[in-house]
Amino acid sequence: MRVLMLEPGQDARVEEIPSDPAQLERILGGPAEITAPFESGILLVMLRDQRGQRPNRLIGSRKVYGRCLLSGVSLHGLDDLPAALLERYRVRMDRCRLE
């Protein structure tokens, strides 16, 4: 699935990752928490327990720590981030970087 990967201290980047939940948690480094802080159809997927992780982004009024990503959503769960939104959210996420 095509996502926008957000890592501490780095620019946001488009990445292809497996949609399997176990693989997703391996990529994040632990159990995932999914929230919807943006317009409909965009999800923030982050570590459930962010203690000890480096600061990443300020998204809305919430500080996010450690590796996280933005994805799209479908009736079946996580899906590709819509191509029409990739550049807009890449720029937006680079502006809210904490490091």
Protein backbone atom coordinates (compact mmCIF):
# COMPACT_ATOMS: atom_id res chain seq x y z
CA MET A 1 0.00 0.00 0.00
CA ARG A 2 1.23 3.53 -0.77
CA VAL A 3 1.68 5.66 2.36
CA LEU A 4 3.39 8.83 3.49
CA MET A 5 6.12 7.74 5.91
CA LEU A 6 6.94 10.16 8.74
CA GLU A 7 10.17 9.62 10.65
CA PRO A 8 11.73 11.86 13.30
CA GLY A 9 14.12 14.43 11.85
CA GLN A 10 13.39 13.48 8.21
CA ASP A 11 11.25 14.85 5.41
CA ALA A 12 8.02 12.98 4.71
CA ARG A 13 8.37 10.45 1.88
CA VAL A 14 6.10 8.24 -0.20
CA GLU A 15 6.70 4.56 0.45
CA GLU A 16 5.14 1.25 -0.56
CA ILE A 17 4.58 -1.03 2.45
CA PRO A 18 2.70 -4.30 3.06
CA SER A 19 -0.90 -3.90 4.25
CA ASP A 20 -0.64 -6.90 6.59
CA PRO A 21 -1.19 -5.73 10.22
CA ALA A 22 1.77 -7.76 11.56
CA GLN A 23 4.10 -6.23 8.96
CA LEU A 24 2.75 -2.77 9.70
CA GLU A 25 3.53 -3.16 13.39
CA ARG A 26 7.01 -4.44 12.52
CA ILE A 27 7.60 -1.29 10.43
CA LEU A 28 6.38 0.96 13.25
CA GLY A 29 8.27 -0.93 15.94
CA GLY A 30 5.29 -2.05 18.02
CA PRO A 31 1.49 -2.13 18.33
CA ALA A 32 -0.26 0.47 16.21
CA GLU A 33 -2.85 3.09 17.08
CA ILE A 34 -4.96 4.52 14.28
CA THR A 35 -6.56 7.96 14.44
CA ALA A 36 -8.30 10.24 11.96
CA PRO A 37 -7.08 13.80 12.68
CA PHE A 38 -7.58 14.98 9.08
CA GLU A 39 -10.30 15.13 6.49
CA SER A 40 -12.27 11.98 5.75
CA GLY A 41 -10.24 9.25 4.14
CA ILE A 42 -6.83 10.04 5.73
CA LEU A 43 -5.58 8.06 8.72
CA LEU A 44 -2.60 8.59 11.02
CA VAL A 45 -1.03 5.27 12.04
CA MET A 46 1.41 5.53 14.95
CA LEU A 47 2.84 3.59 17.84
CA ARG A 48 0.35 3.00 20.63
CA ASP A 49 3.09 3.42 23.26
CA GLN A 50 5.31 6.32 22.22
CA ARG A 51 7.36 6.53 25.44
CA GLY A 52 11.07 6.81 24.79
CA GLN A 53 10.60 7.64 21.09
CA ARG A 54 12.08 10.71 19.42
CA PRO A 55 9.76 13.66 18.69
CA ASN A 56 8.36 13.46 15.18
CA ARG A 57 5.54 15.85 14.26
CA LEU A 58 2.95 18.17 15.75
CA ILE A 59 -0.25 16.98 14.09
CA GLY A 60 -3.21 19.12 15.03
CA SER A 61 -2.65 19.76 18.71
CA ARG A 62 -1.02 16.37 19.32
CA LYS A 63 2.70 15.67 19.49
CA VAL A 64 3.57 12.40 17.76
CA TYR A 65 6.74 10.46 18.62
CA GLY A 66 8.60 7.74 16.74
CA ARG A 67 7.92 6.46 13.23
CA CYS A 68 4.37 6.92 11.94
CA LEU A 69 2.58 7.14 8.62
CA LEU A 70 -0.43 8.52 6.81
CA SER A 71 -2.62 6.14 4.84
CA GLY A 72 -5.93 6.11 3.09
CA VAL A 73 -8.89 4.03 4.17
CA SER A 74 -11.36 1.79 2.38
CA LEU A 75 -14.20 -0.49 3.43
CA HIS A 76 -11.58 -3.18 4.03
CA GLY A 77 -9.29 -1.12 6.30
CA LEU A 78 -6.05 0.72 5.55
CA ASP A 79 -5.46 1.50 1.90
CA ASP A 80 -3.33 3.66 -0.40
CA LEU A 81 -3.13 7.33 0.43
CA PRO A 82 -4.99 8.94 -2.49
CA ALA A 83 -2.50 10.07 -5.16
CA ALA A 84 -4.22 13.46 -5.41
CA LEU A 85 -3.37 14.16 -1.75
CA LEU A 86 0.21 12.87 -1.57
CA GLU A 87 2.02 16.11 -2.40
CA ARG A 88 -0.29 18.31 -0.33
CA TYR A 89 0.19 16.17 2.78
CA ARG A 90 3.93 15.72 2.16
CA VAL A 91 4.38 19.50 2.24
CA ARG A 92 2.03 19.86 5.21
CA MET A 93 3.85 17.16 7.22
CA ASP A 94 7.26 18.71 6.50
CA ARG A 95 6.01 21.99 7.99
CA CYS A 96 4.99 20.36 11.27
CA ARG A 97 8.25 18.44 11.86
CA LEU A 98 9.54 18.81 15.44
CA GLU A 99 13.26 18.21 14.83
